[in-house]
PDB file of N, CA and C in Angstrom:
ATOM      1  N   MET A   1       5.794 -56.739  20.414  1.00  0.00           N
ATOM      2  CA  MET A   1       5.675 -58.031  19.769  1.00  0.00           C
ATOM      3  C   MET A   1       7.011 -58.756  19.890  1.00  0.00           C
ATOM      4  N   ARG A   2       6.956 -60.004  20.242  1.00  0.00           N
ATOM      5  CA  ARG A   2       8.173 -60.798  20.383  1.00  0.00           C
ATOM      6  C   ARG A   2       8.593 -61.354  19.034  1.00  0.00           C
ATOM      7  N   ARG A   3       9.885 -61.421  18.849  1.00  0.00           N
ATOM      8  CA  ARG A   3      10.460 -61.891  17.581  1.00  0.00           C
ATOM      9  C   ARG A   3      10.488 -63.412  17.557  1.00  0.00           C
ATOM     10  N   ILE A   4      10.135 -63.973  16.421  1.00  0.00           N
ATOM     11  CA  ILE A   4      10.214 -65.419  16.212  1.00  0.00           C
ATOM     12  C   ILE A   4      11.613 -65.735  15.710  1.00  0.00           C
ATOM     13  N   LEU A   5      12.290 -66.623  16.400  1.00  0.00           N
ATOM     14  CA  LEU A   5      13.640 -66.999  16.002  1.00  0.00           C
ATOM     15  C   LEU A   5      13.588 -68.072  14.923  1.00  0.00           C
ATOM     16  N   LEU A   6      14.326 -67.821  13.854  1.00  0.00           N
ATOM     17  CA  LEU A   6      14.386 -68.745  12.723  1.00  0.00           C
ATOM     18  C   LEU A   6      15.829 -69.077  12.403  1.00  0.00           C
ATOM     19  N   GLN A   7      16.020 -70.202  11.739  1.00  0.00           N
ATOM     20  CA  GLN A   7      17.333 -70.530  11.202  1.00  0.00           C
ATOM     21  C   GLN A   7      17.654 -69.539  10.091  1.00  0.00           C
ATOM     22  N   ASP A   8      18.931 -69.376   9.794  1.00  0.00           N
ATOM     23  CA  ASP A   8      19.333 -68.447   8.734  1.00  0.00           C
ATOM     24  C   ASP A   8      18.655 -68.776   7.410  1.00  0.00           C
ATOM     25  N   SER A   9      18.564 -70.065   7.095  1.00  0.00           N
ATOM     26  CA  SER A   9      17.955 -70.468   5.830  1.00  0.00           C
ATOM     27  C   SER A   9      16.477 -70.086   5.794  1.00  0.00           C
ATOM     28  N   ASP A  10      15.799 -70.204   6.930  1.00  0.00           N
ATOM     29  CA  ASP A  10      14.390 -69.808   6.977  1.00  0.00           C
ATOM     30  C   ASP A  10      14.237 -68.291   6.908  1.00  0.00           C
ATOM     31  N   GLU A  11      15.176 -67.559   7.488  1.00  0.00           N
ATOM     32  CA  GLU A  11      15.160 -66.095   7.375  1.00  0.00           C
ATOM     33  C   GLU A  11      15.243 -65.699   5.906  1.00  0.00           C
ATOM     34  N   ARG A  12      16.081 -66.394   5.152  1.00  0.00           N
ATOM     35  CA  ARG A  12      16.232 -66.105   3.716  1.00  0.00           C
ATOM     36  C   ARG A  12      14.936 -66.402   2.969  1.00  0.00           C
ATOM     37  N   LEU A  13      14.283 -67.508   3.312  1.00  0.00           N
ATOM     38  CA  LEU A  13      13.004 -67.833   2.674  1.00  0.00           C
ATOM     39  C   LEU A  13      11.957 -66.763   2.954  1.00  0.00           C
ATOM     40  N   VAL A  14      11.900 -66.298   4.190  1.00  0.00           N
ATOM     41  CA  VAL A  14      10.946 -65.241   4.553  1.00  0.00           C
ATOM     42  C   VAL A  14      11.194 -64.002   3.700  1.00  0.00           C
ATOM     43  N   GLU A  15      12.463 -63.628   3.552  1.00  0.00           N
ATOM     44  CA  GLU A  15      12.808 -62.447   2.753  1.00  0.00           C
ATOM     45  C   GLU A  15      12.417 -62.636   1.286  1.00  0.00           C
ATOM     46  N   VAL A  16      12.742 -63.787   0.723  1.00  0.00           N
ATOM     47  CA  VAL A  16      12.420 -64.042  -0.684  1.00  0.00           C
ATOM     48  C   VAL A  16      10.911 -64.063  -0.896  1.00  0.00           C
ATOM     49  N   PHE A  17      10.180 -64.711   0.011  1.00  0.00           N
ATOM     50  CA  PHE A  17       8.720 -64.746  -0.124  1.00  0.00           C
ATOM     51  C   PHE A  17       8.125 -63.344  -0.013  1.00  0.00           C
ATOM     52  N   ARG A  18       8.685 -62.530   0.878  1.00  0.00           N
ATOM     53  CA  ARG A  18       8.194 -61.156   1.025  1.00  0.00           C
ATOM     54  C   ARG A  18       8.416 -60.375  -0.273  1.00  0.00           C
ATOM     55  N   VAL A  19       9.597 -60.522  -0.829  1.00  0.00           N
ATOM     56  CA  VAL A  19       9.931 -59.786  -2.049  1.00  0.00           C
ATOM     57  C   VAL A  19       9.092 -60.277  -3.231  1.00  0.00           C
ATOM     58  N   LEU A  20       9.009 -61.593  -3.415  1.00  0.00           N
ATOM     59  CA  LEU A  20       8.278 -62.133  -4.562  1.00  0.00           C
ATOM     60  C   LEU A  20       6.768 -62.156  -4.340  1.00  0.00           C
ATOM     61  N   GLY A  21       6.324 -61.848  -3.130  1.00  0.00           N
ATOM     62  CA  GLY A  21       4.900 -61.833  -2.829  1.00  0.00           C
ATOM     63  C   GLY A  21       4.164 -60.630  -3.401  1.00  0.00           C
ATOM     64  N   HIS A  22       4.888 -59.676  -3.940  1.00  0.00           N
ATOM     65  CA  HIS A  22       4.246 -58.503  -4.551  1.00  0.00           C
ATOM     66  C   HIS A  22       4.024 -58.784  -6.038  1.00  0.00           C
ATOM     67  N   PRO A  23       2.805 -58.583  -6.530  1.00  0.00           N
ATOM     68  CA  PRO A  23       2.500 -58.910  -7.939  1.00  0.00           C
ATOM     69  C   PRO A  23       3.426 -58.230  -8.950  1.00  0.00           C
ATOM     70  N   ALA A  24       3.771 -56.989  -8.736  1.00  0.00           N
ATOM     71  CA  ALA A  24       4.635 -56.289  -9.701  1.00  0.00           C
ATOM     72  C   ALA A  24       6.028 -56.905  -9.729  1.00  0.00           C
ATOM     73  N   ARG A  25       6.556 -57.256  -8.574  1.00  0.00           N
ATOM     74  CA  ARG A  25       7.898 -57.844  -8.540  1.00  0.00           C
ATOM     75  C   ARG A  25       7.907 -59.236  -9.145  1.00  0.00           C
ATOM     76  N   LEU A  26       6.853 -59.997  -8.893  1.00  0.00           N
ATOM     77  CA  LEU A  26       6.763 -61.322  -9.502  1.00  0.00           C
ATOM     78  C   LEU A  26       6.682 -61.187 -11.023  1.00  0.00           C
ATOM     79  N   ARG A  27       5.949 -60.204 -11.500  1.00  0.00           N
ATOM     80  CA  ARG A  27       5.833 -59.971 -12.951  1.00  0.00           C
ATOM     81  C   ARG A  27       7.178 -59.570 -13.548  1.00  0.00           C
ATOM     82  N   ILE A  28       7.927 -58.754 -12.844  1.00  0.00           N
ATOM     83  CA  ILE A  28       9.251 -58.347 -13.320  1.00  0.00           C
ATOM     84  C   ILE A  28      10.159 -59.572 -13.447  1.00  0.00           C
ATOM     85  N   VAL A  29      10.138 -60.438 -12.459  1.00  0.00           N
ATOM     86  CA  VAL A  29      10.963 -61.653 -12.517  1.00  0.00           C
ATOM     87  C   VAL A  29      10.534 -62.518 -13.692  1.00  0.00           C
ATOM     88  N   ARG A  30       9.226 -62.653 -13.908  1.00  0.00           N
ATOM     89  CA  ARG A  30       8.734 -63.433 -15.065  1.00  0.00           C
ATOM     90  C   ARG A  30       9.227 -62.838 -16.375  1.00  0.00           C
ATOM     91  N   LEU A  31       9.161 -61.512 -16.491  1.00  0.00           N
ATOM     92  CA  LEU A  31       9.643 -60.861 -17.721  1.00  0.00           C
ATOM     93  C   LEU A  31      11.116 -61.185 -17.958  1.00  0.00           C
ATOM     94  N   LEU A  32      11.910 -61.119 -16.908  1.00  0.00           N
ATOM     95  CA  LEU A  32      13.330 -61.412 -17.053  1.00  0.00           C
ATOM     96  C   LEU A  32      13.560 -62.879 -17.400  1.00  0.00           C
ATOM     97  N   MET A  33      12.759 -63.771 -16.833  1.00  0.00           N
ATOM     98  CA  MET A  33      12.875 -65.197 -17.146  1.00  0.00           C
ATOM     99  C   MET A  33      12.518 -65.461 -18.608  1.00  0.00           C
ATOM    100  N   GLN A  34      11.480 -64.818 -19.095  1.00  0.00           N
ATOM    101  CA  GLN A  34      11.004 -65.057 -20.457  1.00  0.00           C
ATOM    102  C   GLN A  34      11.965 -64.521 -21.508  1.00  0.00           C
ATOM    103  N   ARG A  35      12.609 -63.433 -21.223  1.00  0.00           N
ATOM    104  CA  ARG A  35      13.460 -62.798 -22.226  1.00  0.00           C
ATOM    105  C   ARG A  35      14.887 -63.318 -22.238  1.00  0.00           C
ATOM    106  N   HIS A  36      15.319 -63.952 -21.170  1.00  0.00           N
ATOM    107  CA  HIS A  36      16.678 -64.500 -21.089  1.00  0.00           C
ATOM    108  C   HIS A  36      17.745 -63.476 -21.446  1.00  0.00           C
ATOM    109  N   THR A  37      17.471 -62.227 -21.147  1.00  0.00           N
ATOM    110  CA  THR A  37      18.429 -61.172 -21.447  1.00  0.00           C
ATOM    111  C   THR A  37      18.205 -60.016 -20.487  1.00  0.00           C
ATOM    112  N   CYS A  38      19.103 -59.084 -20.500  1.00  0.00           N
ATOM    113  CA  CYS A  38      18.939 -57.912 -19.651  1.00  0.00           C
ATOM    114  C   CYS A  38      17.939 -56.950 -20.284  1.00  0.00           C
ATOM    115  N   ILE A  39      17.184 -56.310 -19.432  1.00  0.00           N
ATOM    116  CA  ILE A  39      16.140 -55.400 -19.893  1.00  0.00           C
ATOM    117  C   ILE A  39      16.363 -54.034 -19.250  1.00  0.00           C
ATOM    118  N   CYS A  40      16.248 -53.002 -20.053  1.00  0.00           N
ATOM    119  CA  CYS A  40      16.384 -51.644 -19.532  1.00  0.00           C
ATOM    120  C   CYS A  40      15.004 -50.999 -19.431  1.00  0.00           C
ATOM    121  N   SER A  41      14.845 -49.868 -20.016  1.00  0.00           N
ATOM    122  CA  SER A  41      13.629 -49.079 -19.852  1.00  0.00           C
ATOM    123  C   SER A  41      12.372 -49.704 -20.466  1.00  0.00           C
ATOM    124  N   GLU A  42      12.523 -50.633 -21.397  1.00  0.00           N
ATOM    125  CA  GLU A  42      11.327 -51.217 -22.018  1.00  0.00           C
ATOM    126  C   GLU A  42      10.486 -52.014 -21.027  1.00  0.00           C
ATOM    127  N   MET A  43      11.040 -52.330 -19.880  1.00  0.00           N
ATOM    128  CA  MET A  43      10.273 -53.040 -18.856  1.00  0.00           C
ATOM    129  C   MET A  43       9.067 -52.204 -18.409  1.00  0.00           C
ATOM    130  N   VAL A  44       9.229 -50.907 -18.378  1.00  0.00           N
ATOM    131  CA  VAL A  44       8.139 -50.016 -17.979  1.00  0.00           C
ATOM    132  C   VAL A  44       6.961 -50.147 -18.951  1.00  0.00           C
ATOM    133  N   ASP A  45       7.248 -50.413 -20.209  1.00  0.00           N
ATOM    134  CA  ASP A  45       6.185 -50.564 -21.209  1.00  0.00           C
ATOM    135  C   ASP A  45       5.326 -51.804 -20.965  1.00  0.00           C
ATOM    136  N   ASP A  46       5.885 -52.798 -20.274  1.00  0.00           N
ATOM    137  CA  ASP A  46       5.178 -54.058 -20.033  1.00  0.00           C
ATOM    138  C   ASP A  46       4.383 -54.063 -18.733  1.00  0.00           C
ATOM    139  N   LEU A  47       4.474 -53.005 -17.975  1.00  0.00           N
ATOM    140  CA  LEU A  47       3.789 -52.950 -16.685  1.00  0.00           C
ATOM    141  C   LEU A  47       2.901 -51.716 -16.610  1.00  0.00           C
ATOM    142  N   PRO A  48       1.743 -51.834 -15.973  1.00  0.00           N
ATOM    143  CA  PRO A  48       0.838 -50.678 -15.860  1.00  0.00           C
ATOM    144  C   PRO A  48       1.225 -49.793 -14.668  1.00  0.00           C
ATOM    145  N   LEU A  49       2.508 -49.482 -14.572  1.00  0.00           N
ATOM    146  CA  LEU A  49       3.012 -48.721 -13.433  1.00  0.00           C
ATOM    147  C   LEU A  49       3.885 -47.572 -13.917  1.00  0.00           C
ATOM    148  N   ALA A  50       3.991 -46.557 -13.081  1.00  0.00           N
ATOM    149  CA  ALA A  50       4.875 -45.437 -13.396  1.00  0.00           C
ATOM    150  C   ALA A  50       6.325 -45.894 -13.344  1.00  0.00           C
ATOM    151  N   GLU A  51       7.168 -45.204 -14.082  1.00  0.00           N
ATOM    152  CA  GLU A  51       8.587 -45.564 -14.126  1.00  0.00           C
ATOM    153  C   GLU A  51       9.217 -45.537 -12.733  1.00  0.00           C
ATOM    154  N   ALA A  52       8.853 -44.564 -11.919  1.00  0.00           N
ATOM    155  CA  ALA A  52       9.403 -44.476 -10.559  1.00  0.00           C
ATOM    156  C   ALA A  52       8.993 -45.676  -9.716  1.00  0.00           C
ATOM    157  N   THR A  53       7.781 -46.157  -9.910  1.00  0.00           N
ATOM    158  CA  THR A  53       7.303 -47.324  -9.165  1.00  0.00           C
ATOM    159  C   THR A  53       8.056 -48.574  -9.595  1.00  0.00           C
ATOM    160  N   VAL A  54       8.246 -48.739 -10.886  1.00  0.00           N
ATOM    161  CA  VAL A  54       9.009 -49.886 -11.392  1.00  0.00           C
ATOM    162  C   VAL A  54      10.435 -49.829 -10.848  1.00  0.00           C
ATOM    163  N   SER A  55      11.030 -48.659 -10.838  1.00  0.00           N
ATOM    164  CA  SER A  55      12.385 -48.501 -10.315  1.00  0.00           C
ATOM    165  C   SER A  55      12.468 -48.918  -8.854  1.00  0.00           C
ATOM    166  N   GLN A  56      11.458 -48.573  -8.076  1.00  0.00           N
ATOM    167  CA  GLN A  56      11.449 -48.964  -6.668  1.00  0.00           C
ATOM    168  C   GLN A  56      11.364 -50.486  -6.512  1.00  0.00           C
ATOM    169  N   HIS A  57      10.539 -51.122  -7.329  1.00  0.00           N
ATOM    170  CA  HIS A  57      10.438 -52.584  -7.282  1.00  0.00           C
ATOM    171  C   HIS A  57      11.751 -53.242  -7.720  1.00  0.00           C
ATOM    172  N   LEU A  58      12.405 -52.682  -8.727  1.00  0.00           N
ATOM    173  CA  LEU A  58      13.703 -53.196  -9.165  1.00  0.00           C
ATOM    174  C   LEU A  58      14.733 -53.083  -8.038  1.00  0.00           C
ATOM    175  N   LYS A  59      14.690 -51.988  -7.313  1.00  0.00           N
ATOM    176  CA  LYS A  59      15.605 -51.789  -6.192  1.00  0.00           C
ATOM    177  C   LYS A  59      15.414 -52.873  -5.131  1.00  0.00           C
ATOM    178  N   VAL A  60      14.163 -53.184  -4.809  1.00  0.00           N
ATOM    179  CA  VAL A  60      13.868 -54.209  -3.800  1.00  0.00           C
ATOM    180  C   VAL A  60      14.365 -55.579  -4.277  1.00  0.00           C
ATOM    181  N   LEU A  61      14.115 -55.902  -5.538  1.00  0.00           N
ATOM    182  CA  LEU A  61      14.581 -57.174  -6.091  1.00  0.00           C
ATOM    183  C   LEU A  61      16.103 -57.265  -6.089  1.00  0.00           C
ATOM    184  N   LYS A  62      16.750 -56.169  -6.395  1.00  0.00           N
ATOM    185  CA  LYS A  62      18.215 -56.145  -6.414  1.00  0.00           C
ATOM    186  C   LYS A  62      18.763 -56.314  -4.999  1.00  0.00           C
ATOM    187  N   GLU A  63      18.193 -55.614  -4.037  1.00  0.00           N
ATOM    188  CA  GLU A  63      18.648 -55.725  -2.647  1.00  0.00           C
ATOM    189  C   GLU A  63      18.476 -57.144  -2.108  1.00  0.00           C
ATOM    190  N   ALA A  64      17.473 -57.857  -2.612  1.00  0.00           N
ATOM    191  CA  ALA A  64      17.227 -59.236  -2.182  1.00  0.00           C
ATOM    192  C   ALA A  64      18.124 -60.237  -2.912  1.00  0.00           C
ATOM    193  N   GLY A  65      18.898 -59.757  -3.886  1.00  0.00           N
ATOM    194  CA  GLY A  65      19.810 -60.638  -4.609  1.00  0.00           C
ATOM    195  C   GLY A  65      19.147 -61.466  -5.693  1.00  0.00           C
ATOM    196  N   ILE A  66      17.937 -61.088  -6.082  1.00  0.00           N
ATOM    197  CA  ILE A  66      17.215 -61.841  -7.103  1.00  0.00           C
ATOM    198  C   ILE A  66      17.580 -61.359  -8.501  1.00  0.00           C
ATOM    199  N   ILE A  67      17.875 -60.075  -8.625  1.00  0.00           N
ATOM    200  CA  ILE A  67      18.311 -59.532  -9.913  1.00  0.00           C
ATOM    201  C   ILE A  67      19.610 -58.771  -9.714  1.00  0.00           C
ATOM    202  N   VAL A  68      20.282 -58.512 -10.822  1.00  0.00           N
ATOM    203  CA  VAL A  68      21.475 -57.672 -10.833  1.00  0.00           C
ATOM    204  C   VAL A  68      21.273 -56.614 -11.905  1.00  0.00           C
ATOM    205  N   GLY A  69      21.950 -55.495 -11.747  1.00  0.00           N
ATOM    206  CA  GLY A  69      21.851 -54.429 -12.733  1.00  0.00           C
ATOM    207  C   GLY A  69      23.229 -53.995 -13.172  1.00  0.00           C
ATOM    208  N   ARG A  70      23.314 -53.588 -14.419  1.00  0.00           N
ATOM    209  CA  ARG A  70      24.587 -53.052 -14.909  1.00  0.00           C
ATOM    210  C   ARG A  70      24.281 -51.803 -15.734  1.00  0.00           C
ATOM    211  N   VAL A  71      25.167 -50.859 -15.627  1.00  0.00           N
ATOM    212  CA  VAL A  71      24.997 -49.585 -16.312  1.00  0.00           C
ATOM    213  C   VAL A  71      25.430 -49.740 -17.759  1.00  0.00           C
ATOM    214  N   GLU A  72      24.550 -49.305 -18.653  1.00  0.00           N
ATOM    215  CA  GLU A  72      24.855 -49.271 -20.091  1.00  0.00           C
ATOM    216  C   GLU A  72      24.523 -47.875 -20.587  1.00  0.00           C
ATOM    217  N   GLY A  73      25.541 -47.043 -20.705  1.00  0.00           N
ATOM    218  CA  GLY A  73      25.314 -45.652 -21.088  1.00  0.00           C
ATOM    219  C   GLY A  73      24.603 -44.924 -19.962  1.00  0.00           C
ATOM    220  N   THR A  74      23.429 -44.384 -20.278  1.00  0.00           N
ATOM    221  CA  THR A  74      22.654 -43.670 -19.262  1.00  0.00           C
ATOM    222  C   THR A  74      21.583 -44.545 -18.625  1.00  0.00           C
ATOM    223  N   ALA A  75      21.500 -45.797 -19.042  1.00  0.00           N
ATOM    224  CA  ALA A  75      20.468 -46.703 -18.525  1.00  0.00           C
ATOM    225  C   ALA A  75      21.090 -47.788 -17.656  1.00  0.00           C
ATOM    226  N   VAL A  76      20.252 -48.374 -16.819  1.00  0.00           N
ATOM    227  CA  VAL A  76      20.644 -49.550 -16.045  1.00  0.00           C
ATOM    228  C   VAL A  76      19.841 -50.717 -16.605  1.00  0.00           C
ATOM    229  N   CYS A  77      20.528 -51.774 -16.975  1.00  0.00           N
ATOM    230  CA  CYS A  77      19.869 -52.964 -17.506  1.00  0.00           C
ATOM    231  C   CYS A  77      19.868 -54.040 -16.427  1.00  0.00           C
ATOM    232  N   TYR A  78      18.739 -54.741 -16.307  1.00  0.00           N
ATOM    233  CA  TYR A  78      18.559 -55.729 -15.248  1.00  0.00           C
ATOM    234  C   TYR A  78      18.429 -57.134 -15.817  1.00  0.00           C
ATOM    235  N   CYS A  79      19.017 -58.087 -15.084  1.00  0.00           N
ATOM    236  CA  CYS A  79      18.948 -59.508 -15.403  1.00  0.00           C
ATOM    237  C   CYS A  79      18.719 -60.271 -14.107  1.00  0.00           C
ATOM    238  N   LEU A  80      18.286 -61.504 -14.251  1.00  0.00           N
ATOM    239  CA  LEU A  80      18.213 -62.360 -13.074  1.00  0.00           C
ATOM    240  C   LEU A  80      19.629 -62.601 -12.552  1.00  0.00           C
ATOM    241  N   ALA A  81      19.776 -62.619 -11.254  1.00  0.00           N
ATOM    242  CA  ALA A  81      21.076 -62.925 -10.666  1.00  0.00           C
ATOM    243  C   ALA A  81      21.381 -64.394 -10.923  1.00  0.00           C
ATOM    244  N   PRO A  82      22.582 -64.701 -11.375  1.00  0.00           N
ATOM    245  CA  PRO A  82      22.923 -66.099 -11.654  1.00  0.00           C
ATOM    246  C   PRO A  82      22.696 -66.981 -10.422  1.00  0.00           C
ATOM    247  N   GLY A  83      21.922 -68.023 -10.619  1.00  0.00           N
ATOM    248  CA  GLY A  83      21.677 -68.990  -9.554  1.00  0.00           C
ATOM    249  C   GLY A  83      20.662 -68.590  -8.499  1.00  0.00           C
ATOM    250  N   ALA A  84      20.148 -67.372  -8.563  1.00  0.00           N
ATOM    251  CA  ALA A  84      19.231 -66.899  -7.509  1.00  0.00           C
ATOM    252  C   ALA A  84      17.959 -67.734  -7.445  1.00  0.00           C
ATOM    253  N   LEU A  85      17.339 -67.986  -8.581  1.00  0.00           N
ATOM    254  CA  LEU A  85      16.083 -68.739  -8.563  1.00  0.00           C
ATOM    255  C   LEU A  85      16.330 -70.218  -8.274  1.00  0.00           C
ATOM    256  N   ALA A  86      17.456 -70.741  -8.701  1.00  0.00           N
ATOM    257  CA  ALA A  86      17.788 -72.133  -8.370  1.00  0.00           C
ATOM    258  C   ALA A  86      17.972 -72.288  -6.861  1.00  0.00           C
ATOM    259  N   ALA A  87      18.584 -71.302  -6.232  1.00  0.00           N
ATOM    260  CA  ALA A  87      18.770 -71.349  -4.779  1.00  0.00           C
ATOM    261  C   ALA A  87      17.426 -71.291  -4.061  1.00  0.00           C
ATOM    262  N   VAL A  88      16.508 -70.479  -4.572  1.00  0.00           N
ATOM    263  CA  VAL A  88      15.161 -70.407  -3.978  1.00  0.00           C
ATOM    264  C   VAL A  88      14.452 -71.747  -4.152  1.00  0.00           C
ATOM    265  N   ARG A  89      14.529 -72.301  -5.348  1.00  0.00           N
ATOM    266  CA  ARG A  89      13.901 -73.594  -5.622  1.00  0.00           C
ATOM    267  C   ARG A  89      14.426 -74.671  -4.683  1.00  0.00           C
ATOM    268  N   ASP A  90      15.735 -74.719  -4.518  1.00  0.00           N
ATOM    269  CA  ASP A  90      16.342 -75.729  -3.653  1.00  0.00           C
ATOM    270  C   ASP A  90      15.935 -75.535  -2.194  1.00  0.00           C
ATOM    271  N   ALA A  91      15.900 -74.286  -1.749  1.00  0.00           N
ATOM    272  CA  ALA A  91      15.513 -74.011  -0.362  1.00  0.00           C
ATOM    273  C   ALA A  91      14.059 -74.391  -0.106  1.00  0.00           C
ATOM    274  N   VAL A  92      13.195 -74.104  -1.076  1.00  0.00           N
ATOM    275  CA  VAL A  92      11.778 -74.472  -0.928  1.00  0.00           C
ATOM    276  C   VAL A  92      11.629 -75.989  -0.942  1.00  0.00           C
ATOM    277  N   ALA A  93      12.390 -76.685  -1.768  1.00  0.00           N
ATOM    278  CA  ALA A  93      12.311 -78.144  -1.832  1.00  0.00           C
ATOM    279  C   ALA A  93      12.725 -78.764  -0.490  1.00  0.00           C
ATOM    280  N   VAL A  94      13.796 -78.266   0.083  1.00  0.00           N
ATOM    281  CA  VAL A  94      14.240 -78.777   1.389  1.00  0.00           C
ATOM    282  C   VAL A  94      13.185 -78.484   2.443  1.00  0.00           C
ATOM    283  N   PHE A  95      12.652 -77.278   2.416  1.00  0.00           N
ATOM    284  CA  PHE A  95      11.608 -76.890   3.367  1.00  0.00           C
ATOM    285  C   PHE A  95      10.377 -77.786   3.216  1.00  0.00           C
ATOM    286  N   ALA A  96       9.958 -78.007   1.974  1.00  0.00           N
ATOM    287  CA  ALA A  96       8.765 -78.823   1.710  1.00  0.00           C
ATOM    288  C   ALA A  96       8.954 -80.265   2.135  1.00  0.00           C
ATOM    289  N   ASP A  97      10.178 -80.745   2.071  1.00  0.00           N
ATOM    290  CA  ASP A  97      10.479 -82.110   2.490  1.00  0.00           C
ATOM    291  C   ASP A  97      10.643 -82.229   4.001  1.00  0.00           C
ATOM    292  N   GLY A  98      10.589 -81.086   4.696  1.00  0.00           N
ATOM    293  CA  GLY A  98      10.724 -81.107   6.152  1.00  0.00           C
ATOM    294  C   GLY A  98      12.142 -81.279   6.637  1.00  0.00           C
ATOM    295  N   GLY A  99      13.070 -81.190   5.710  1.00  0.00           N
ATOM    296  CA  GLY A  99      14.469 -81.396   6.064  1.00  0.00           C
ATOM    297  C   GLY A  99      15.154 -80.109   6.481  1.00  0.00           C
ATOM    298  N   GLU A 100      16.359 -80.265   6.908  1.00  0.00           N
ATOM    299  CA  GLU A 100      17.203 -79.134   7.278  1.00  0.00           C
ATOM    300  C   GLU A 100      18.053 -78.755   6.072  1.00  0.00           C
ATOM    301  N   PRO A 101      18.304 -77.466   5.886  1.00  0.00           N
ATOM    302  CA  PRO A 101      19.158 -77.045   4.778  1.00  0.00           C
ATOM    303  C   PRO A 101      20.574 -77.557   4.950  1.00  0.00           C
ATOM    304  N   ARG A 102      21.234 -77.724   3.829  1.00  0.00           N
ATOM    305  CA  ARG A 102      22.621 -78.207   3.865  1.00  0.00           C
ATOM    306  C   ARG A 102      23.569 -77.059   3.959  1.00  0.00           C
TER     307      ARG A 102
END
Protein backbone atom coordinates (compact mmCIF):
# COMPACT_ATOMS: atom_id res chain seq x y z
CA MET A 1 0.00 0.00 0.00
CA ARG A 2 1.34 3.41 -0.91
CA ARG A 3 1.57 6.09 1.76
CA ILE A 4 -0.50 9.25 1.44
CA LEU A 5 1.65 12.30 2.00
CA LEU A 6 0.17 14.88 4.36
CA GLN A 7 1.27 18.16 5.83
CA ASP A 8 2.54 17.94 9.40
CA SER A 9 -0.61 19.63 10.69
CA ASP A 10 -2.78 17.07 8.90
CA GLU A 11 -0.65 14.23 10.28
CA ARG A 12 -1.41 15.58 13.76
CA LEU A 13 -5.14 15.70 13.01
CA VAL A 14 -5.06 12.08 11.82
CA GLU A 15 -3.35 11.05 15.06
CA VAL A 16 -5.78 12.97 17.27
CA PHE A 17 -8.81 11.63 15.40
CA ARG A 18 -7.45 8.09 15.70
CA VAL A 19 -6.91 8.48 19.43
CA LEU A 20 -10.23 10.21 20.16
CA GLY A 21 -12.12 7.92 17.78
CA HIS A 22 -12.24 5.18 20.42
CA PRO A 23 -15.33 5.43 22.67
CA ALA A 24 -13.44 4.67 25.89
CA ARG A 25 -10.80 7.31 25.23
CA LEU A 26 -13.40 9.90 24.32
CA ARG A 27 -15.23 9.09 27.57
CA ILE A 28 -12.01 9.47 29.56
CA VAL A 29 -11.42 12.92 28.04
CA ARG A 30 -15.03 13.90 28.86
CA LEU A 31 -14.56 12.78 32.47
CA LEU A 32 -11.43 14.89 32.76
CA MET A 33 -13.19 17.88 31.18
CA GLN A 34 -16.16 17.59 33.54
CA ARG A 35 -14.14 17.29 36.72
CA HIS A 36 -11.59 20.04 36.00
CA THR A 37 -9.13 18.17 38.18
CA CYS A 38 -6.75 15.27 38.09
CA ILE A 39 -8.26 11.84 38.49
CA CYS A 40 -6.56 8.71 39.76
CA SER A 41 -8.05 5.28 40.26
CA GLU A 42 -11.67 6.44 40.58
CA MET A 43 -11.76 6.75 36.80
CA VAL A 44 -12.04 2.96 36.63
CA ASP A 45 -15.29 3.19 38.62
CA ASP A 46 -16.83 5.38 35.89
CA LEU A 47 -16.08 3.01 33.03
CA PRO A 48 -17.32 -0.53 32.35
CA LEU A 49 -13.75 -1.66 31.69
CA ALA A 50 -11.04 -3.53 33.54
CA GLU A 51 -8.36 -1.44 35.22
CA ALA A 52 -5.71 -2.76 32.82
CA THR A 53 -7.82 -1.70 29.84
CA VAL A 54 -8.33 1.79 31.24
CA SER A 55 -4.59 2.03 31.87
CA GLN A 56 -3.89 1.14 28.25
CA HIS A 57 -6.28 3.84 27.02
CA LEU A 58 -4.66 6.37 29.37
CA LYS A 59 -1.27 5.45 27.93
CA VAL A 60 -2.48 6.10 24.37
CA LEU A 61 -3.98 9.46 25.37
CA LYS A 62 -0.78 10.45 27.14
CA GLU A 63 1.41 9.45 24.18
CA ALA A 64 -0.79 11.61 21.94
CA GLY A 65 -0.26 14.60 24.24
CA ILE A 66 -3.94 14.91 25.14
CA ILE A 67 -3.48 14.14 28.83
CA VAL A 68 -0.63 14.32 31.32
CA GLY A 69 -0.02 12.20 34.38
CA ARG A 70 1.74 12.87 37.63
CA VAL A 71 2.68 10.47 40.37
CA GLU A 72 0.98 10.98 43.72
CA GLY A 73 2.20 8.38 46.19
CA THR A 74 1.54 5.00 44.62
CA ALA A 75 -1.00 6.32 42.10
CA VAL A 76 -0.76 8.25 38.86
CA CYS A 77 -3.26 11.07 38.51
CA TYR A 78 -4.31 12.25 35.05
CA CYS A 79 -5.41 15.66 33.78
CA LEU A 80 -5.98 17.18 30.39
CA ALA A 81 -2.76 18.52 28.93
CA PRO A 82 -2.81 22.32 29.05
CA GLY A 83 -3.92 23.67 25.70
CA ALA A 84 -4.27 20.25 24.05
CA LEU A 85 -7.98 20.50 23.28
CA ALA A 86 -7.70 24.15 22.25
CA ALA A 87 -5.01 23.16 19.75
CA VAL A 88 -7.27 20.42 18.36
CA ARG A 89 -10.18 22.86 18.12
CA ASP A 90 -8.05 25.41 16.28
CA ALA A 91 -6.65 22.81 13.88
CA VAL A 92 -10.13 21.50 13.08
CA ALA A 93 -11.40 25.06 12.53
CA VAL A 94 -8.60 25.81 10.06
CA PHE A 95 -9.20 22.49 8.33
CA ALA A 96 -12.96 23.10 8.14
CA ASP A 97 -12.38 26.53 6.65
CA GLY A 98 -10.18 24.98 3.96
CA GLY A 99 -7.25 27.08 5.03
CA GLU A 100 -3.66 26.24 5.71
CA PRO A 101 -2.43 25.99 9.30
CA ARG A 102 -0.42 28.87 10.65
